[in-house]
Amino acid sequence: MKRKENSAHSAPPLNRPRGKRKALAELPKSNGLNMNHDSAPRPSKPRTRSAARAEAEAEAAMKRRKAGDAARWPMDTRQPDAEAAVAPYVGDIDRYLRSLEVVKMETDLLKSLSFQIGGPTVTTFLRQFIASCRGGNSASRGKLEFVCSYLAELSLLDYDCISYLPSVVAAACLFVARFIIHPKTRPWNLSLEQSTGYRVFDLQKSIYVIHELQLTIRCPNQVAIREKYKDPKFGCVSTMVSPREIPTSFLEGCHK
């Protein structure tokens, strides 16, 4: 996952092709018809005898065509009734055609992105890292998962977290979560260092950011996530109190 996370191809291309769609400037222009009804009408040329005859023949042909259509499709002679009968279906057809257009746009967008619309997230790495934390009963494991999820959602509120890879944020959330649950026990060890691929020294800045979010030093006015995790179904983890300072010894390298 880290290879995909670091891959430049996992990010959407900056120059996205437009596919077969045309820009407004590329659309065909009007055929010169005067659509402005407020403008003065163009002076018409004097009608000739041949033009009048052609117009009369065209009108006669249209009448014959309408008569033939009425003979073949008697429904056309009852146009008001027919319109009332199909009116309920017009909206359905319109919505159906619009949904087809949306599907077509989605297909074009996915093709332009080469179907690379996402990569591993903080939650993806948290599942993997938590699975490597062996030991403890199911209750403590469940609390660890809730605290990690709470911290991961808090990280979405802070712009500084955008500069870190999702795996770095996930590792920092795991560190702070373990520190909150057991503040007197070293949160990081060689096993976590090997499973995450990060030394605690590599995570120091991100750890401070996550810890400040948990202490409401950062984003104090954003209360929605904190209120959410006050619910008992999430273990009331947002009400847990942690020391305001992380001991320096916890941020030093792990030794055998």
C-alpha atoms as a PDB file:
ATOM      1  CA  MET A   1       0.000   0.000   0.000  1.00  0.00           C
ATOM      2  CA  LYS A   2       2.858   2.371   0.723  1.00  0.00           C
ATOM      3  CA  ARG A   3       4.121   1.865  -2.820  1.00  0.00           C
ATOM      4  CA  LYS A   4       0.730   2.911  -4.137  1.00  0.00           C
ATOM      5  CA  GLU A   5       0.618   5.761  -1.638  1.00  0.00           C
ATOM      6  CA  ASN A   6       3.940   7.166  -2.834  1.00  0.00           C
ATOM      7  CA  SER A   7       3.277   6.502  -6.506  1.00  0.00           C
ATOM      8  CA  ALA A   8       2.798   9.611  -8.573  1.00  0.00           C
ATOM      9  CA  HIS A   9       0.369   7.680 -10.762  1.00  0.00           C
ATOM     10  CA  SER A  10      -2.107   7.370  -7.909  1.00  0.00           C
ATOM     11  CA  ALA A  11      -2.747  11.097  -8.053  1.00  0.00           C
ATOM     12  CA  PRO A  12      -5.053  12.463 -10.759  1.00  0.00           C
ATOM     13  CA  PRO A  13      -3.144  13.884 -13.736  1.00  0.00           C
ATOM     14  CA  LEU A  14      -2.854  17.643 -13.823  1.00  0.00           C
ATOM     15  CA  ASN A  15      -3.622  17.885 -17.530  1.00  0.00           C
ATOM     16  CA  ARG A  16      -6.798  15.897 -17.855  1.00  0.00           C
ATOM     17  CA  PRO A  17      -7.904  15.114 -21.407  1.00  0.00           C
ATOM     18  CA  ARG A  18     -11.373  16.229 -22.347  1.00  0.00           C
ATOM     19  CA  GLY A  19     -12.088  13.085 -24.301  1.00  0.00           C
ATOM     20  CA  LYS A  20     -14.624  13.488 -27.066  1.00  0.00           C
ATOM     21  CA  ARG A  21     -16.337  16.492 -25.521  1.00  0.00           C
ATOM     22  CA  LYS A  22     -16.089  19.840 -27.202  1.00  0.00           C
ATOM     23  CA  ALA A  23     -15.513  23.197 -25.637  1.00  0.00           C
ATOM     24  CA  LEU A  24     -18.033  25.942 -26.187  1.00  0.00           C
ATOM     25  CA  ALA A  25     -15.805  27.597 -28.790  1.00  0.00           C
ATOM     26  CA  GLU A  26     -15.686  24.341 -30.757  1.00  0.00           C
ATOM     27  CA  LEU A  27     -19.446  23.938 -30.986  1.00  0.00           C
ATOM     28  CA  PRO A  28     -21.020  24.648 -34.367  1.00  0.00           C
ATOM     29  CA  LYS A  29     -22.125  28.226 -34.738  1.00  0.00           C
ATOM     30  CA  SER A  30     -25.656  29.262 -35.641  1.00  0.00           C
ATOM     31  CA  ASN A  31     -26.680  29.186 -39.258  1.00  0.00           C
ATOM     32  CA  GLY A  32     -27.181  32.919 -39.393  1.00  0.00           C
ATOM     33  CA  LEU A  33     -30.837  33.002 -38.387  1.00  0.00           C
ATOM     34  CA  ASN A  34     -31.860  36.185 -36.655  1.00  0.00           C
ATOM     35  CA  MET A  35     -32.885  35.094 -33.128  1.00  0.00           C
ATOM     36  CA  ASN A  36     -33.158  38.596 -31.693  1.00  0.00           C
ATOM     37  CA  HIS A  37     -36.853  39.435 -31.828  1.00  0.00           C
ATOM     38  CA  ASP A  38     -36.303  43.009 -30.677  1.00  0.00           C
ATOM     39  CA  SER A  39     -34.102  43.917 -33.598  1.00  0.00           C
ATOM     40  CA  ALA A  40     -35.542  45.468 -36.715  1.00  0.00           C
ATOM     41  CA  PRO A  41     -36.679  42.971 -39.374  1.00  0.00           C
ATOM     42  CA  ARG A  42     -34.568  42.618 -42.425  1.00  0.00           C
ATOM     43  CA  PRO A  43     -36.089  44.058 -45.611  1.00  0.00           C
ATOM     44  CA  SER A  44     -37.584  41.262 -47.679  1.00  0.00           C
ATOM     45  CA  LYS A  45     -37.035  40.915 -51.371  1.00  0.00           C
ATOM     46  CA  PRO A  46     -40.068  41.378 -53.621  1.00  0.00           C
ATOM     47  CA  ARG A  47     -41.846  38.069 -54.209  1.00  0.00           C
ATOM     48  CA  THR A  48     -41.722  36.722 -57.703  1.00  0.00           C
ATOM     49  CA  ARG A  49     -44.410  34.668 -59.410  1.00  0.00           C
ATOM     50  CA  SER A  50     -42.262  31.508 -59.213  1.00  0.00           C
ATOM     51  CA  ALA A  51     -41.673  32.001 -55.462  1.00  0.00           C
ATOM     52  CA  ALA A  52     -45.398  32.337 -54.800  1.00  0.00           C
ATOM     53  CA  ARG A  53     -46.082  29.187 -56.811  1.00  0.00           C
ATOM     54  CA  ALA A  54     -43.401  27.243 -54.898  1.00  0.00           C
ATOM     55  CA  GLU A  55     -44.900  28.358 -51.578  1.00  0.00           C
ATOM     56  CA  ALA A  56     -48.375  27.265 -52.627  1.00  0.00           C
ATOM     57  CA  GLU A  57     -47.129  23.853 -53.735  1.00  0.00           C
ATOM     58  CA  ALA A  58     -45.277  23.415 -50.412  1.00  0.00           C
ATOM     59  CA  GLU A  59     -48.424  24.205 -48.433  1.00  0.00           C
ATOM     60  CA  ALA A  60     -50.443  21.752 -50.504  1.00  0.00           C
ATOM     61  CA  ALA A  61     -47.845  19.039 -49.965  1.00  0.00           C
ATOM     62  CA  MET A  62     -47.910  19.594 -46.184  1.00  0.00           C
ATOM     63  CA  LYS A  63     -51.706  19.304 -46.165  1.00  0.00           C
ATOM     64  CA  ARG A  64     -51.580  16.036 -48.117  1.00  0.00           C
ATOM     65  CA  ARG A  65     -48.938  14.685 -45.726  1.00  0.00           C
ATOM     66  CA  LYS A  66     -51.008  15.559 -42.659  1.00  0.00           C
ATOM     67  CA  ALA A  67     -54.052  13.921 -44.187  1.00  0.00           C
ATOM     68  CA  GLY A  68     -52.073  10.757 -44.910  1.00  0.00           C
ATOM     69  CA  ASP A  69     -50.680  10.649 -41.388  1.00  0.00           C
ATOM     70  CA  ALA A  70     -54.149  11.047 -39.915  1.00  0.00           C
ATOM     71  CA  ALA A  71     -55.381   8.127 -42.012  1.00  0.00           C
ATOM     72  CA  ARG A  72     -52.538   5.872 -40.888  1.00  0.00           C
ATOM     73  CA  TRP A  73     -52.525   6.955 -37.206  1.00  0.00           C
ATOM     74  CA  PRO A  74     -56.021   7.982 -36.117  1.00  0.00           C
ATOM     75  CA  MET A  75     -54.589   8.928 -32.701  1.00  0.00           C
ATOM     76  CA  ASP A  76     -53.179  12.073 -34.290  1.00  0.00           C
ATOM     77  CA  THR A  77     -56.704  13.358 -34.868  1.00  0.00           C
ATOM     78  CA  ARG A  78     -57.269  13.250 -31.127  1.00  0.00           C
ATOM     79  CA  GLN A  79     -54.117  15.162 -30.249  1.00  0.00           C
ATOM     80  CA  PRO A  80     -55.337  16.761 -26.976  1.00  0.00           C
ATOM     81  CA  ASP A  81     -56.394  13.354 -25.616  1.00  0.00           C
ATOM     82  CA  ALA A  82     -53.115  11.797 -26.719  1.00  0.00           C
ATOM     83  CA  GLU A  83     -51.074  14.513 -25.028  1.00  0.00           C
ATOM     84  CA  ALA A  84     -52.971  14.029 -21.783  1.00  0.00           C
ATOM     85  CA  ALA A  85     -52.392  10.274 -21.962  1.00  0.00           C
ATOM     86  CA  VAL A  86     -48.622  10.511 -22.373  1.00  0.00           C
ATOM     87  CA  ALA A  87     -48.085  13.493 -20.048  1.00  0.00           C
ATOM     88  CA  PRO A  88     -47.301  11.341 -16.955  1.00  0.00           C
ATOM     89  CA  TYR A  89     -44.525   9.575 -18.847  1.00  0.00           C
ATOM     90  CA  VAL A  90     -42.806  12.658 -20.225  1.00  0.00           C
ATOM     91  CA  GLY A  91     -41.137  13.450 -16.903  1.00  0.00           C
ATOM     92  CA  ASP A  92     -39.958   9.847 -16.491  1.00  0.00           C
ATOM     93  CA  ILE A  93     -38.401   9.849 -19.954  1.00  0.00           C
ATOM     94  CA  ASP A  94     -36.717  13.181 -19.243  1.00  0.00           C
ATOM     95  CA  ARG A  95     -35.264  11.907 -15.955  1.00  0.00           C
ATOM     96  CA  TYR A  96     -34.153   8.669 -17.594  1.00  0.00           C
ATOM     97  CA  LEU A  97     -32.340  10.495 -20.388  1.00  0.00           C
ATOM     98  CA  ARG A  98     -30.670  12.795 -17.876  1.00  0.00           C
ATOM     99  CA  SER A  99     -29.500   9.810 -15.824  1.00  0.00           C
ATOM    100  CA  LEU A 100     -27.988   8.309 -18.971  1.00  0.00           C
ATOM    101  CA  GLU A 101     -26.144  11.576 -19.565  1.00  0.00           C
ATOM    102  CA  VAL A 102     -24.787  11.485 -16.000  1.00  0.00           C
ATOM    103  CA  VAL A 103     -23.591   7.901 -16.454  1.00  0.00           C
ATOM    104  CA  LYS A 104     -21.898   8.916 -19.697  1.00  0.00           C
ATOM    105  CA  MET A 105     -20.166  11.834 -17.951  1.00  0.00           C
ATOM    106  CA  GLU A 106     -19.009   9.546 -15.138  1.00  0.00           C
ATOM    107  CA  THR A 107     -17.595   7.101 -17.679  1.00  0.00           C
ATOM    108  CA  ASP A 108     -15.717   9.881 -19.473  1.00  0.00           C
ATOM    109  CA  LEU A 109     -14.333  11.170 -16.171  1.00  0.00           C
ATOM    110  CA  LEU A 110     -13.127   7.741 -15.084  1.00  0.00           C
ATOM    111  CA  LYS A 111     -11.472   7.174 -18.450  1.00  0.00           C
ATOM    112  CA  SER A 112      -9.692  10.533 -18.248  1.00  0.00           C
ATOM    113  CA  LEU A 113      -8.365   9.576 -14.789  1.00  0.00           C
ATOM    114  CA  SER A 114      -7.401   6.067 -15.977  1.00  0.00           C
ATOM    115  CA  PHE A 115      -9.749   4.730 -13.260  1.00  0.00           C
ATOM    116  CA  GLN A 116      -7.299   5.896 -10.576  1.00  0.00           C
ATOM    117  CA  ILE A 117      -9.715   7.774  -8.361  1.00  0.00           C
ATOM    118  CA  GLY A 118      -8.379   6.868  -4.955  1.00  0.00           C
ATOM    119  CA  GLY A 119      -5.677   5.287  -2.896  1.00  0.00           C
ATOM    120  CA  PRO A 120      -5.138   4.015   0.641  1.00  0.00           C
ATOM    121  CA  THR A 121      -6.474   6.370   3.306  1.00  0.00           C
ATOM    122  CA  VAL A 122      -5.655   6.924   6.970  1.00  0.00           C
ATOM    123  CA  THR A 123      -8.377   4.425   7.896  1.00  0.00           C
ATOM    124  CA  THR A 124      -6.867   1.825   5.564  1.00  0.00           C
ATOM    125  CA  PHE A 125      -3.493   2.028   7.296  1.00  0.00           C
ATOM    126  CA  LEU A 126      -5.059   2.175  10.760  1.00  0.00           C
ATOM    127  CA  ARG A 127      -6.754  -1.190  10.219  1.00  0.00           C
ATOM    128  CA  GLN A 128      -3.428  -2.693   9.229  1.00  0.00           C
ATOM    129  CA  PHE A 129      -1.496  -1.107  12.105  1.00  0.00           C
ATOM    130  CA  ILE A 130      -4.086  -1.982  14.761  1.00  0.00           C
ATOM    131  CA  ALA A 131      -4.061  -5.586  13.583  1.00  0.00           C
ATOM    132  CA  SER A 132      -0.336  -5.679  14.372  1.00  0.00           C
ATOM    133  CA  CYS A 133      -0.993  -4.621  17.997  1.00  0.00           C
ATOM    134  CA  ARG A 134      -1.293  -8.046  19.551  1.00  0.00           C
ATOM    135  CA  GLY A 135      -2.211  -8.682  23.140  1.00  0.00           C
ATOM    136  CA  GLY A 136      -4.888  -7.291  25.390  1.00  0.00           C
ATOM    137  CA  ASN A 137      -8.534  -8.272  25.640  1.00  0.00           C
ATOM    138  CA  SER A 138     -11.288  -7.433  23.189  1.00  0.00           C
ATOM    139  CA  ALA A 139     -12.499  -4.492  25.306  1.00  0.00           C
ATOM    140  CA  SER A 140      -9.147  -2.723  25.267  1.00  0.00           C
ATOM    141  CA  ARG A 141      -8.750  -3.499  21.580  1.00  0.00           C
ATOM    142  CA  GLY A 142     -12.170  -2.011  20.857  1.00  0.00           C
ATOM    143  CA  LYS A 143     -11.295   1.125  22.819  1.00  0.00           C
ATOM    144  CA  LEU A 144      -8.062   1.459  20.853  1.00  0.00           C
ATOM    145  CA  GLU A 145     -10.004   1.252  17.591  1.00  0.00           C
ATOM    146  CA  PHE A 146     -12.470   3.928  18.723  1.00  0.00           C
ATOM    147  CA  VAL A 147      -9.729   6.303  19.861  1.00  0.00           C
ATOM    148  CA  CYS A 148      -7.812   5.802  16.606  1.00  0.00           C
ATOM    149  CA  SER A 149     -10.949   6.460  14.544  1.00  0.00           C
ATOM    150  CA  TYR A 150     -11.670   9.569  16.613  1.00  0.00           C
ATOM    151  CA  LEU A 151      -8.170  10.951  16.095  1.00  0.00           C
ATOM    152  CA  ALA A 152      -8.245  10.073  12.389  1.00  0.00           C
ATOM    153  CA  GLU A 153     -11.450  12.082  11.927  1.00  0.00           C
ATOM    154  CA  LEU A 154      -9.970  14.989  13.877  1.00  0.00           C
ATOM    155  CA  SER A 155      -7.009  14.979  11.499  1.00  0.00           C
ATOM    156  CA  LEU A 156      -9.397  15.890   8.683  1.00  0.00           C
ATOM    157  CA  LEU A 157      -9.977  19.260  10.353  1.00  0.00           C
ATOM    158  CA  ASP A 158      -6.376  20.460  10.242  1.00  0.00           C
ATOM    159  CA  TYR A 159      -4.583  21.629   7.107  1.00  0.00           C
ATOM    160  CA  ASP A 160      -1.184  20.578   8.462  1.00  0.00           C
ATOM    161  CA  CYS A 161      -2.236  16.944   8.233  1.00  0.00           C
ATOM    162  CA  ILE A 162      -2.635  17.276   4.465  1.00  0.00           C
ATOM    163  CA  SER A 163       1.134  17.604   4.105  1.00  0.00           C
ATOM    164  CA  TYR A 164       1.665  14.148   5.647  1.00  0.00           C
ATOM    165  CA  LEU A 165       1.157  10.820   3.952  1.00  0.00           C
ATOM    166  CA  PRO A 166      -1.902   8.876   5.160  1.00  0.00           C
ATOM    167  CA  SER A 167       0.364   6.205   6.651  1.00  0.00           C
ATOM    168  CA  VAL A 168       2.206   8.856   8.694  1.00  0.00           C
ATOM    169  CA  VAL A 169      -1.070  10.270  10.042  1.00  0.00           C
ATOM    170  CA  ALA A 170      -2.283   6.746  10.834  1.00  0.00           C
ATOM    171  CA  ALA A 171       0.915   5.908  12.723  1.00  0.00           C
ATOM    172  CA  ALA A 172       0.705   9.191  14.658  1.00  0.00           C
ATOM    173  CA  CYS A 173      -2.937   8.471  15.553  1.00  0.00           C
ATOM    174  CA  LEU A 174      -1.947   5.042  16.823  1.00  0.00           C
ATOM    175  CA  PHE A 175       0.866   6.534  18.927  1.00  0.00           C
ATOM    176  CA  VAL A 176      -1.398   9.173  20.510  1.00  0.00           C
ATOM    177  CA  ALA A 177      -4.235   6.672  21.033  1.00  0.00           C
ATOM    178  CA  ARG A 178      -1.962   4.296  22.930  1.00  0.00           C
ATOM    179  CA  PHE A 179      -0.632   7.239  24.943  1.00  0.00           C
ATOM    180  CA  ILE A 180      -4.190   8.339  25.858  1.00  0.00           C
ATOM    181  CA  ILE A 181      -5.192   4.856  27.027  1.00  0.00           C
ATOM    182  CA  HIS A 182      -1.936   4.118  28.885  1.00  0.00           C
ATOM    183  CA  PRO A 183      -0.199   7.453  29.565  1.00  0.00           C
ATOM    184  CA  LYS A 184       2.547   5.884  31.687  1.00  0.00           C
ATOM    185  CA  THR A 185       3.497   3.193  29.183  1.00  0.00           C
ATOM    186  CA  ARG A 186       5.762   3.752  26.220  1.00  0.00           C
ATOM    187  CA  PRO A 187       3.406   3.953  23.198  1.00  0.00           C
ATOM    188  CA  TRP A 188       5.933   2.858  20.563  1.00  0.00           C
ATOM    189  CA  ASN A 189       8.064  -0.255  20.451  1.00  0.00           C
ATOM    190  CA  LEU A 190      10.166  -2.249  18.049  1.00  0.00           C
ATOM    191  CA  SER A 191       7.198  -4.360  16.965  1.00  0.00           C
ATOM    192  CA  LEU A 192       5.214  -1.286  15.899  1.00  0.00           C
ATOM    193  CA  GLU A 193       8.294   0.213  14.301  1.00  0.00           C
ATOM    194  CA  GLN A 194       8.689  -2.869  12.146  1.00  0.00           C
ATOM    195  CA  SER A 195       4.990  -3.256  11.280  1.00  0.00           C
ATOM    196  CA  THR A 196       4.461   0.423  10.410  1.00  0.00           C
ATOM    197  CA  GLY A 197       7.889   1.087   8.926  1.00  0.00           C
ATOM    198  CA  TYR A 198       8.241   4.313  10.938  1.00  0.00           C
ATOM    199  CA  ARG A 199      10.537   5.207  13.798  1.00  0.00           C
ATOM    200  CA  VAL A 200       9.063   7.436  16.457  1.00  0.00           C
ATOM    201  CA  PHE A 201      11.591  10.096  15.451  1.00  0.00           C
ATOM    202  CA  ASP A 202       9.997  10.196  11.975  1.00  0.00           C
ATOM    203  CA  LEU A 203       6.564  10.837  13.495  1.00  0.00           C
ATOM    204  CA  GLN A 204       7.349  13.577  16.006  1.00  0.00           C
ATOM    205  CA  LYS A 205       5.791  16.528  14.155  1.00  0.00           C
ATOM    206  CA  SER A 206       2.655  14.627  13.181  1.00  0.00           C
ATOM    207  CA  ILE A 207       2.339  13.279  16.742  1.00  0.00           C
ATOM    208  CA  TYR A 208       2.335  16.812  18.122  1.00  0.00           C
ATOM    209  CA  VAL A 209      -0.358  17.857  15.634  1.00  0.00           C
ATOM    210  CA  ILE A 210      -2.644  14.925  16.511  1.00  0.00           C
ATOM    211  CA  HIS A 211      -2.074  15.429  20.235  1.00  0.00           C
ATOM    212  CA  GLU A 212      -2.963  19.132  19.980  1.00  0.00           C
ATOM    213  CA  LEU A 213      -6.133  18.232  18.086  1.00  0.00           C
ATOM    214  CA  GLN A 214      -7.085  15.844  20.872  1.00  0.00           C
ATOM    215  CA  LEU A 215      -6.433  18.546  23.488  1.00  0.00           C
ATOM    216  CA  THR A 216      -8.581  21.021  21.466  1.00  0.00           C
ATOM    217  CA  ILE A 217      -5.581  23.327  21.148  1.00  0.00           C
ATOM    218  CA  ARG A 218      -6.169  23.113  17.412  1.00  0.00           C
ATOM    219  CA  CYS A 219      -9.624  23.608  15.900  1.00  0.00           C
ATOM    220  CA  PRO A 220     -11.347  24.271  19.255  1.00  0.00           C
ATOM    221  CA  ASN A 221     -14.558  25.445  17.592  1.00  0.00           C
ATOM    222  CA  GLN A 222     -15.047  22.266  15.553  1.00  0.00           C
ATOM    223  CA  VAL A 223     -17.227  20.283  17.931  1.00  0.00           C
ATOM    224  CA  ALA A 224     -19.204  17.967  15.633  1.00  0.00           C
ATOM    225  CA  ILE A 225     -16.683  15.107  15.712  1.00  0.00           C
ATOM    226  CA  ARG A 226     -16.105  15.522  19.435  1.00  0.00           C
ATOM    227  CA  GLU A 227     -19.843  15.393  20.086  1.00  0.00           C
ATOM    228  CA  LYS A 228     -20.145  12.314  17.887  1.00  0.00           C
ATOM    229  CA  TYR A 229     -17.560  10.373  19.891  1.00  0.00           C
ATOM    230  CA  LYS A 230     -19.199  11.290  23.207  1.00  0.00           C
ATOM    231  CA  ASP A 231     -21.815   8.694  22.351  1.00  0.00           C
ATOM    232  CA  PRO A 232     -21.553   5.454  24.393  1.00  0.00           C
ATOM    233  CA  LYS A 233     -21.610   3.377  21.212  1.00  0.00           C
ATOM    234  CA  PHE A 234     -18.183   4.895  20.453  1.00  0.00           C
ATOM    235  CA  GLY A 235     -16.964   4.325  23.996  1.00  0.00           C
ATOM    236  CA  CYS A 236     -17.221   8.039  24.927  1.00  0.00           C
ATOM    237  CA  VAL A 237     -13.599   8.308  23.806  1.00  0.00           C
ATOM    238  CA  SER A 238     -13.762  12.060  23.163  1.00  0.00           C
ATOM    239  CA  THR A 239     -14.211  12.597  26.915  1.00  0.00           C
ATOM    240  CA  MET A 240     -10.967  10.807  27.763  1.00  0.00           C
ATOM    241  CA  VAL A 241      -8.298  13.091  29.215  1.00  0.00           C
ATOM    242  CA  SER A 242      -4.620  12.758  28.373  1.00  0.00           C
ATOM    243  CA  PRO A 243      -1.563  14.548  29.798  1.00  0.00           C
ATOM    244  CA  ARG A 244      -0.856  17.845  28.090  1.00  0.00           C
ATOM    245  CA  GLU A 245       2.799  16.935  27.614  1.00  0.00           C
ATOM    246  CA  ILE A 246       4.222  13.804  26.034  1.00  0.00           C
ATOM    247  CA  PRO A 247       7.343  12.687  27.927  1.00  0.00           C
ATOM    248  CA  THR A 248      10.515  13.231  25.940  1.00  0.00           C
ATOM    249  CA  SER A 249      11.580   9.653  26.597  1.00  0.00           C
ATOM    250  CA  PHE A 250       8.521   8.423  24.674  1.00  0.00           C
ATOM    251  CA  LEU A 251       9.737  10.291  21.590  1.00  0.00           C
ATOM    252  CA  GLU A 252      13.183   8.744  21.599  1.00  0.00           C
ATOM    253  CA  GLY A 253      14.232   5.798  19.495  1.00  0.00           C
ATOM    254  CA  CYS A 254      13.306   2.285  20.513  1.00  0.00           C
ATOM    255  CA  HIS A 255      16.037   0.023  21.827  1.00  0.00           C
ATOM    256  CA  LYS A 256      16.176  -3.712  22.214  1.00  0.00           C
END
